[in-house]
Structure formats: C-alpha cells, structure tokens
ModelCIF file with pLDDT and N, C-alpha, C, O atoms, coordinates in Angstrom:
data_MODEL
#
_entry.id   MODEL 
#
_entity.id                         1 
_entity.type                       polymer 
_entity.pdbx_number_of_molecules   1 
#
_entity_poly.entity_id                      1 
_entity_poly.type                           'polypeptide(L)' 
_entity_poly.nstd_linkage                   no 
_entity_poly.nstd_monomer                   no 
_entity_poly.pdbx_seq_one_letter_code       LISSKIIIIIILYSSLNDLPFLLDFAIFYALSGFIG 
_entity_poly.pdbx_seq_one_letter_code_can   LISSKIIIIIILYSSLNDLPFLLDFAIFYALSGFIG 
_entity_poly.pdbx_strand_id                 A 
#
loop_
_entity_poly_seq.entity_id 
_entity_poly_seq.num 
_entity_poly_seq.mon_id 
_entity_poly_seq.hetero 
1 1  LEU n 
1 2  ILE n 
1 3  SER n 
1 4  SER n 
1 5  LYS n 
1 6  ILE n 
1 7  ILE n 
1 8  ILE n 
1 9  ILE n 
1 10 ILE n 
1 11 ILE n 
1 12 LEU n 
1 13 TYR n 
1 14 SER n 
1 15 SER n 
1 16 LEU n 
1 17 ASN n 
1 18 ASP n 
1 19 LEU n 
1 20 PRO n 
1 21 PHE n 
1 22 LEU n 
1 23 LEU n 
1 24 ASP n 
1 25 PHE n 
1 26 ALA n 
1 27 ILE n 
1 28 PHE n 
1 29 TYR n 
1 30 ALA n 
1 31 LEU n 
1 32 SER n 
1 33 GLY n 
1 34 PHE n 
1 35 ILE n 
1 36 GLY n 
#
_struct_asym.id          A 
_struct_asym.entity_id   1 
#
loop_
_ma_qa_metric.id 
_ma_qa_metric.mode 
_ma_qa_metric.name 
_ma_qa_metric.software_group_id 
_ma_qa_metric.type 
1 global pLDDT . pLDDT 
2 local  pLDDT . pLDDT 
#
_ma_qa_metric_global.metric_id      1 
_ma_qa_metric_global.metric_value   93.03 
_ma_qa_metric_global.model_id       1 
_ma_qa_metric_global.ordinal_id     1 
#
loop_
_ma_qa_metric_local.label_asym_id 
_ma_qa_metric_local.label_comp_id 
_ma_qa_metric_local.label_seq_id 
_ma_qa_metric_local.metric_id 
_ma_qa_metric_local.metric_value 
_ma_qa_metric_local.model_id 
_ma_qa_metric_local.ordinal_id 
A LEU 1  2 91.00 1 1  
A ILE 2  2 92.00 1 2  
A SER 3  2 93.00 1 3  
A SER 4  2 92.00 1 4  
A LYS 5  2 92.00 1 5  
A ILE 6  2 93.00 1 6  
A ILE 7  2 94.00 1 7  
A ILE 8  2 91.00 1 8  
A ILE 9  2 91.00 1 9  
A ILE 10 2 93.00 1 10 
A ILE 11 2 93.00 1 11 
A LEU 12 2 90.00 1 12 
A TYR 13 2 92.00 1 13 
A SER 14 2 94.00 1 14 
A SER 15 2 91.00 1 15 
A LEU 16 2 89.00 1 16 
A ASN 17 2 93.00 1 17 
A ASP 18 2 94.00 1 18 
A LEU 19 2 95.00 1 19 
A PRO 20 2 94.00 1 20 
A PHE 21 2 95.00 1 21 
A LEU 22 2 95.00 1 22 
A LEU 23 2 95.00 1 23 
A ASP 24 2 95.00 1 24 
A PHE 25 2 95.00 1 25 
A ALA 26 2 95.00 1 26 
A ILE 27 2 95.00 1 27 
A PHE 28 2 95.00 1 28 
A TYR 29 2 94.00 1 29 
A ALA 30 2 94.00 1 30 
A LEU 31 2 95.00 1 31 
A SER 32 2 93.00 1 32 
A GLY 33 2 90.00 1 33 
A PHE 34 2 92.00 1 34 
A ILE 35 2 94.00 1 35 
A GLY 36 2 90.00 1 36 
#
loop_
_atom_site.group_PDB 
_atom_site.id 
_atom_site.type_symbol 
_atom_site.label_atom_id 
_atom_site.label_alt_id 
_atom_site.label_comp_id 
_atom_site.label_asym_id 
_atom_site.label_entity_id 
_atom_site.label_seq_id 
_atom_site.pdbx_PDB_ins_code 
_atom_site.Cartn_x 
_atom_site.Cartn_y 
_atom_site.Cartn_z 
_atom_site.occupancy 
_atom_site.B_iso_or_equiv 
_atom_site.pdbx_formal_charge 
_atom_site.auth_seq_id 
_atom_site.auth_comp_id 
_atom_site.auth_asym_id 
_atom_site.auth_atom_id 
_atom_site.pdbx_PDB_model_num 
ATOM 1   N N  . LEU A 1 1  ? 22.177 53.648 60.306 1.00 91.00 ? 1  LEU A N  1 
ATOM 2   C CA . LEU A 1 1  ? 21.837 52.331 59.135 1.00 91.00 ? 1  LEU A CA 1 
ATOM 3   C C  . LEU A 1 1  ? 20.231 52.858 58.421 1.00 91.00 ? 1  LEU A C  1 
ATOM 4   O O  . LEU A 1 1  ? 19.720 53.080 57.323 1.00 91.00 ? 1  LEU A O  1 
ATOM 5   N N  . ILE A 1 2  ? 19.958 52.864 59.621 1.00 92.00 ? 2  ILE A N  1 
ATOM 6   C CA . ILE A 1 2  ? 17.987 52.981 59.120 1.00 92.00 ? 2  ILE A CA 1 
ATOM 7   C C  . ILE A 1 2  ? 17.843 54.266 58.935 1.00 92.00 ? 2  ILE A C  1 
ATOM 8   O O  . ILE A 1 2  ? 17.132 54.664 58.012 1.00 92.00 ? 2  ILE A O  1 
ATOM 9   N N  . SER A 1 3  ? 18.376 54.987 59.631 1.00 93.00 ? 3  SER A N  1 
ATOM 10  C CA . SER A 1 3  ? 17.775 56.277 59.468 1.00 93.00 ? 3  SER A CA 1 
ATOM 11  C C  . SER A 1 3  ? 18.493 56.720 58.109 1.00 93.00 ? 3  SER A C  1 
ATOM 12  O O  . SER A 1 3  ? 18.074 57.711 57.511 1.00 93.00 ? 3  SER A O  1 
ATOM 13  N N  . SER A 1 4  ? 19.904 55.758 57.480 1.00 92.00 ? 4  SER A N  1 
ATOM 14  C CA . SER A 1 4  ? 19.713 56.445 56.035 1.00 92.00 ? 4  SER A CA 1 
ATOM 15  C C  . SER A 1 4  ? 19.051 55.938 55.222 1.00 92.00 ? 4  SER A C  1 
ATOM 16  O O  . SER A 1 4  ? 18.469 56.697 54.447 1.00 92.00 ? 4  SER A O  1 
ATOM 17  N N  . LYS A 1 5  ? 18.899 54.708 55.091 1.00 92.00 ? 5  LYS A N  1 
ATOM 18  C CA . LYS A 1 5  ? 17.767 53.865 54.579 1.00 92.00 ? 5  LYS A CA 1 
ATOM 19  C C  . LYS A 1 5  ? 16.309 54.705 54.173 1.00 92.00 ? 5  LYS A C  1 
ATOM 20  O O  . LYS A 1 5  ? 15.604 54.851 53.174 1.00 92.00 ? 5  LYS A O  1 
ATOM 21  N N  . ILE A 1 6  ? 16.333 55.252 55.905 1.00 93.00 ? 6  ILE A N  1 
ATOM 22  C CA . ILE A 1 6  ? 14.539 55.747 55.210 1.00 93.00 ? 6  ILE A CA 1 
ATOM 23  C C  . ILE A 1 6  ? 14.920 57.280 54.799 1.00 93.00 ? 6  ILE A C  1 
ATOM 24  O O  . ILE A 1 6  ? 14.077 57.946 54.199 1.00 93.00 ? 6  ILE A O  1 
ATOM 25  N N  . ILE A 1 7  ? 16.208 57.842 55.126 1.00 94.00 ? 7  ILE A N  1 
ATOM 26  C CA . ILE A 1 7  ? 16.256 58.655 53.970 1.00 94.00 ? 7  ILE A CA 1 
ATOM 27  C C  . ILE A 1 7  ? 16.250 58.579 52.085 1.00 94.00 ? 7  ILE A C  1 
ATOM 28  O O  . ILE A 1 7  ? 16.002 59.360 51.166 1.00 94.00 ? 7  ILE A O  1 
ATOM 29  N N  . ILE A 1 8  ? 16.593 57.439 52.204 1.00 91.00 ? 8  ILE A N  1 
ATOM 30  C CA . ILE A 1 8  ? 17.033 56.962 50.819 1.00 91.00 ? 8  ILE A CA 1 
ATOM 31  C C  . ILE A 1 8  ? 15.332 57.206 50.323 1.00 91.00 ? 8  ILE A C  1 
ATOM 32  O O  . ILE A 1 8  ? 14.840 58.136 49.685 1.00 91.00 ? 8  ILE A O  1 
ATOM 33  N N  . ILE A 1 9  ? 14.755 56.083 50.849 1.00 91.00 ? 9  ILE A N  1 
ATOM 34  C CA . ILE A 1 9  ? 13.227 55.414 50.703 1.00 91.00 ? 9  ILE A CA 1 
ATOM 35  C C  . ILE A 1 9  ? 12.937 57.243 50.569 1.00 91.00 ? 9  ILE A C  1 
ATOM 36  O O  . ILE A 1 9  ? 12.936 57.564 49.380 1.00 91.00 ? 9  ILE A O  1 
ATOM 37  N N  . ILE A 1 10 ? 12.720 58.356 51.444 1.00 93.00 ? 10 ILE A N  1 
ATOM 38  C CA . ILE A 1 10 ? 11.647 59.150 51.233 1.00 93.00 ? 10 ILE A CA 1 
ATOM 39  C C  . ILE A 1 10 ? 12.491 59.973 49.871 1.00 93.00 ? 10 ILE A C  1 
ATOM 40  O O  . ILE A 1 10 ? 11.692 60.825 49.483 1.00 93.00 ? 10 ILE A O  1 
ATOM 41  N N  . ILE A 1 11 ? 13.616 60.038 49.116 1.00 93.00 ? 11 ILE A N  1 
ATOM 42  C CA . ILE A 1 11 ? 13.864 60.644 47.999 1.00 93.00 ? 11 ILE A CA 1 
ATOM 43  C C  . ILE A 1 11 ? 13.263 59.647 47.061 1.00 93.00 ? 11 ILE A C  1 
ATOM 44  O O  . ILE A 1 11 ? 12.570 60.042 46.124 1.00 93.00 ? 11 ILE A O  1 
ATOM 45  N N  . LEU A 1 12 ? 13.503 58.312 47.271 1.00 90.00 ? 12 LEU A N  1 
ATOM 46  C CA . LEU A 1 12 ? 12.771 57.246 45.986 1.00 90.00 ? 12 LEU A CA 1 
ATOM 47  C C  . LEU A 1 12 ? 11.374 57.910 45.768 1.00 90.00 ? 12 LEU A C  1 
ATOM 48  O O  . LEU A 1 12 ? 10.988 58.355 44.687 1.00 90.00 ? 12 LEU A O  1 
ATOM 49  N N  . TYR A 1 13 ? 10.779 57.918 46.749 1.00 92.00 ? 13 TYR A N  1 
ATOM 50  C CA . TYR A 1 13 ? 9.254  57.828 47.260 1.00 92.00 ? 13 TYR A CA 1 
ATOM 51  C C  . TYR A 1 13 ? 9.046  59.568 46.040 1.00 92.00 ? 13 TYR A C  1 
ATOM 52  O O  . TYR A 1 13 ? 8.185  59.572 45.160 1.00 92.00 ? 13 TYR A O  1 
ATOM 53  N N  . SER A 1 14 ? 9.759  60.515 46.215 1.00 94.00 ? 14 SER A N  1 
ATOM 54  C CA . SER A 1 14 ? 9.627  61.822 45.976 1.00 94.00 ? 14 SER A CA 1 
ATOM 55  C C  . SER A 1 14 ? 9.941  61.593 44.479 1.00 94.00 ? 14 SER A C  1 
ATOM 56  O O  . SER A 1 14 ? 9.106  62.008 43.675 1.00 94.00 ? 14 SER A O  1 
ATOM 57  N N  . SER A 1 15 ? 10.953 61.033 44.058 1.00 91.00 ? 15 SER A N  1 
ATOM 58  C CA . SER A 1 15 ? 11.169 61.363 42.659 1.00 91.00 ? 15 SER A CA 1 
ATOM 59  C C  . SER A 1 15 ? 10.479 60.336 41.942 1.00 91.00 ? 15 SER A C  1 
ATOM 60  O O  . SER A 1 15 ? 10.739 60.291 40.740 1.00 91.00 ? 15 SER A O  1 
ATOM 61  N N  . LEU A 1 16 ? 9.373  59.204 42.545 1.00 89.00 ? 16 LEU A N  1 
ATOM 62  C CA . LEU A 1 16 ? 8.838  58.304 42.212 1.00 89.00 ? 16 LEU A CA 1 
ATOM 63  C C  . LEU A 1 16 ? 7.042  59.028 41.989 1.00 89.00 ? 16 LEU A C  1 
ATOM 64  O O  . LEU A 1 16 ? 6.411  58.747 40.969 1.00 89.00 ? 16 LEU A O  1 
ATOM 65  N N  . ASN A 1 17 ? 6.751  59.466 42.517 1.00 93.00 ? 17 ASN A N  1 
ATOM 66  C CA . ASN A 1 17 ? 5.706  60.097 43.050 1.00 93.00 ? 17 ASN A CA 1 
ATOM 67  C C  . ASN A 1 17 ? 5.469  62.011 42.109 1.00 93.00 ? 17 ASN A C  1 
ATOM 68  O O  . ASN A 1 17 ? 4.400  62.563 41.848 1.00 93.00 ? 17 ASN A O  1 
ATOM 69  N N  . ASP A 1 18 ? 6.721  62.466 41.871 1.00 94.00 ? 18 ASP A N  1 
ATOM 70  C CA . ASP A 1 18 ? 6.838  63.490 41.597 1.00 94.00 ? 18 ASP A CA 1 
ATOM 71  C C  . ASP A 1 18 ? 6.248  64.554 42.512 1.00 94.00 ? 18 ASP A C  1 
ATOM 72  O O  . ASP A 1 18 ? 5.582  65.517 42.132 1.00 94.00 ? 18 ASP A O  1 
ATOM 73  N N  . LEU A 1 19 ? 6.678  64.167 44.142 1.00 95.00 ? 19 LEU A N  1 
ATOM 74  C CA . LEU A 1 19 ? 6.351  65.721 45.076 1.00 95.00 ? 19 LEU A CA 1 
ATOM 75  C C  . LEU A 1 19 ? 7.849  65.618 45.831 1.00 95.00 ? 19 LEU A C  1 
ATOM 76  O O  . LEU A 1 19 ? 8.393  64.737 46.497 1.00 95.00 ? 19 LEU A O  1 
ATOM 77  N N  . PRO A 1 20 ? 8.403  67.528 45.205 1.00 94.00 ? 20 PRO A N  1 
ATOM 78  C CA . PRO A 1 20 ? 9.098  68.071 45.516 1.00 94.00 ? 20 PRO A CA 1 
ATOM 79  C C  . PRO A 1 20 ? 9.896  68.220 47.019 1.00 94.00 ? 20 PRO A C  1 
ATOM 80  O O  . PRO A 1 20 ? 11.002 68.279 47.556 1.00 94.00 ? 20 PRO A O  1 
ATOM 81  N N  . PHE A 1 21 ? 8.678  68.232 47.212 1.00 95.00 ? 21 PHE A N  1 
ATOM 82  C CA . PHE A 1 21 ? 8.635  69.061 47.995 1.00 95.00 ? 21 PHE A CA 1 
ATOM 83  C C  . PHE A 1 21 ? 8.938  68.217 50.051 1.00 95.00 ? 21 PHE A C  1 
ATOM 84  O O  . PHE A 1 21 ? 9.171  68.640 51.183 1.00 95.00 ? 21 PHE A O  1 
ATOM 85  N N  . LEU A 1 22 ? 8.748  67.086 49.451 1.00 95.00 ? 22 LEU A N  1 
ATOM 86  C CA . LEU A 1 22 ? 9.567  65.200 50.201 1.00 95.00 ? 22 LEU A CA 1 
ATOM 87  C C  . LEU A 1 22 ? 10.690 65.850 50.035 1.00 95.00 ? 22 LEU A C  1 
ATOM 88  O O  . LEU A 1 22 ? 11.241 65.937 51.132 1.00 95.00 ? 22 LEU A O  1 
ATOM 89  N N  . LEU A 1 23 ? 11.092 66.177 49.497 1.00 95.00 ? 23 LEU A N  1 
ATOM 90  C CA . LEU A 1 23 ? 13.191 66.565 50.030 1.00 95.00 ? 23 LEU A CA 1 
ATOM 91  C C  . LEU A 1 23 ? 13.241 67.641 50.965 1.00 95.00 ? 23 LEU A C  1 
ATOM 92  O O  . LEU A 1 23 ? 14.137 67.486 51.795 1.00 95.00 ? 23 LEU A O  1 
ATOM 93  N N  . ASP A 1 24 ? 12.594 68.640 51.093 1.00 95.00 ? 24 ASP A N  1 
ATOM 94  C CA . ASP A 1 24 ? 12.835 69.214 52.391 1.00 95.00 ? 24 ASP A CA 1 
ATOM 95  C C  . ASP A 1 24 ? 12.875 68.323 53.780 1.00 95.00 ? 24 ASP A C  1 
ATOM 96  O O  . ASP A 1 24 ? 13.545 68.592 54.777 1.00 95.00 ? 24 ASP A O  1 
ATOM 97  N N  . PHE A 1 25 ? 12.043 67.261 53.608 1.00 95.00 ? 25 PHE A N  1 
ATOM 98  C CA . PHE A 1 25 ? 11.766 66.198 54.983 1.00 95.00 ? 25 PHE A CA 1 
ATOM 99  C C  . PHE A 1 25 ? 13.323 65.465 54.920 1.00 95.00 ? 25 PHE A C  1 
ATOM 100 O O  . PHE A 1 25 ? 13.804 64.988 55.948 1.00 95.00 ? 25 PHE A O  1 
ATOM 101 N N  . ALA A 1 26 ? 13.924 65.433 53.853 1.00 95.00 ? 26 ALA A N  1 
ATOM 102 C CA . ALA A 1 26 ? 14.766 64.510 53.768 1.00 95.00 ? 26 ALA A CA 1 
ATOM 103 C C  . ALA A 1 26 ? 15.922 64.724 54.543 1.00 95.00 ? 26 ALA A C  1 
ATOM 104 O O  . ALA A 1 26 ? 16.509 64.072 55.407 1.00 95.00 ? 26 ALA A O  1 
ATOM 105 N N  . ILE A 1 27 ? 16.218 66.672 53.571 1.00 95.00 ? 27 ILE A N  1 
ATOM 106 C CA . ILE A 1 27 ? 17.068 66.832 54.463 1.00 95.00 ? 27 ILE A CA 1 
ATOM 107 C C  . ILE A 1 27 ? 17.159 67.553 55.760 1.00 95.00 ? 27 ILE A C  1 
ATOM 108 O O  . ILE A 1 27 ? 18.184 67.912 56.339 1.00 95.00 ? 27 ILE A O  1 
ATOM 109 N N  . PHE A 1 28 ? 16.136 67.680 56.061 1.00 95.00 ? 28 PHE A N  1 
ATOM 110 C CA . PHE A 1 28 ? 15.768 68.117 57.514 1.00 95.00 ? 28 PHE A CA 1 
ATOM 111 C C  . PHE A 1 28 ? 15.809 66.436 58.605 1.00 95.00 ? 28 PHE A C  1 
ATOM 112 O O  . PHE A 1 28 ? 16.091 66.516 59.801 1.00 95.00 ? 28 PHE A O  1 
ATOM 113 N N  . TYR A 1 29 ? 15.509 65.153 57.987 1.00 94.00 ? 29 TYR A N  1 
ATOM 114 C CA . TYR A 1 29 ? 15.679 64.321 58.819 1.00 94.00 ? 29 TYR A CA 1 
ATOM 115 C C  . TYR A 1 29 ? 17.220 64.119 59.176 1.00 94.00 ? 29 TYR A C  1 
ATOM 116 O O  . TYR A 1 29 ? 17.826 64.014 60.242 1.00 94.00 ? 29 TYR A O  1 
ATOM 117 N N  . ALA A 1 30 ? 17.730 64.105 57.370 1.00 94.00 ? 30 ALA A N  1 
ATOM 118 C CA . ALA A 1 30 ? 19.517 63.867 57.355 1.00 94.00 ? 30 ALA A CA 1 
ATOM 119 C C  . ALA A 1 30 ? 19.985 64.890 58.813 1.00 94.00 ? 30 ALA A C  1 
ATOM 120 O O  . ALA A 1 30 ? 20.416 64.156 59.702 1.00 94.00 ? 30 ALA A O  1 
ATOM 121 N N  . LEU A 1 31 ? 19.983 65.845 59.068 1.00 95.00 ? 31 LEU A N  1 
ATOM 122 C CA . LEU A 1 31 ? 20.420 66.552 59.596 1.00 95.00 ? 31 LEU A CA 1 
ATOM 123 C C  . LEU A 1 31 ? 19.926 66.410 61.196 1.00 95.00 ? 31 LEU A C  1 
ATOM 124 O O  . LEU A 1 31 ? 20.559 65.992 62.165 1.00 95.00 ? 31 LEU A O  1 
ATOM 125 N N  . SER A 1 32 ? 18.842 66.811 61.121 1.00 93.00 ? 32 SER A N  1 
ATOM 126 C CA . SER A 1 32 ? 18.446 65.925 62.739 1.00 93.00 ? 32 SER A CA 1 
ATOM 127 C C  . SER A 1 32 ? 18.723 64.625 63.070 1.00 93.00 ? 32 SER A C  1 
ATOM 128 O O  . SER A 1 32 ? 18.300 64.433 64.210 1.00 93.00 ? 32 SER A O  1 
ATOM 129 N N  . GLY A 1 33 ? 19.447 63.228 62.425 1.00 90.00 ? 33 GLY A N  1 
ATOM 130 C CA . GLY A 1 33 ? 19.872 62.521 62.665 1.00 90.00 ? 33 GLY A CA 1 
ATOM 131 C C  . GLY A 1 33 ? 21.297 62.464 63.156 1.00 90.00 ? 33 GLY A C  1 
ATOM 132 O O  . GLY A 1 33 ? 21.661 61.886 64.180 1.00 90.00 ? 33 GLY A O  1 
ATOM 133 N N  . PHE A 1 34 ? 22.370 63.398 61.972 1.00 92.00 ? 34 PHE A N  1 
ATOM 134 C CA . PHE A 1 34 ? 23.158 63.540 62.369 1.00 92.00 ? 34 PHE A CA 1 
ATOM 135 C C  . PHE A 1 34 ? 23.913 64.403 63.627 1.00 92.00 ? 34 PHE A C  1 
ATOM 136 O O  . PHE A 1 34 ? 25.068 64.194 63.999 1.00 92.00 ? 34 PHE A O  1 
ATOM 137 N N  . ILE A 1 35 ? 23.104 65.297 64.125 1.00 94.00 ? 35 ILE A N  1 
ATOM 138 C CA . ILE A 1 35 ? 22.969 65.878 64.929 1.00 94.00 ? 35 ILE A CA 1 
ATOM 139 C C  . ILE A 1 35 ? 22.759 65.385 66.348 1.00 94.00 ? 35 ILE A C  1 
ATOM 140 O O  . ILE A 1 35 ? 23.295 65.819 67.367 1.00 94.00 ? 35 ILE A O  1 
ATOM 141 N N  . GLY A 1 36 ? 21.757 64.258 66.210 1.00 90.00 ? 36 GLY A N  1 
ATOM 142 C CA . GLY A 1 36 ? 21.426 63.484 67.156 1.00 90.00 ? 36 GLY A CA 1 
ATOM 143 C C  . GLY A 1 36 ? 22.305 62.397 67.598 1.00 90.00 ? 36 GLY A C  1 
ATOM 144 O O  . GLY A 1 36 ? 21.957 61.659 68.520 1.00 90.00 ? 36 GLY A O  1 
#
C-alpha cells in the first residue's frame, strides 16, 4: 500500500511540475516493487 501511494505521489508531482521523466521512475518503482 505504501508503494502504491508513493507511485501515485510521483505521478502527481510529475504532472504538477511538468516533469515527464519522473514517470519512468514511477514505472521502474512499480515493477521493482511488484517483483520484490
């Protein structure tokens, strides 16, 4: 649950500050969290 909320926070921060490269980090974090 913490991992999913952090992913949502990264995506929101990326959209609020117009930083599209952070979406790559969110995808990587989601995949590594799932595998872990």
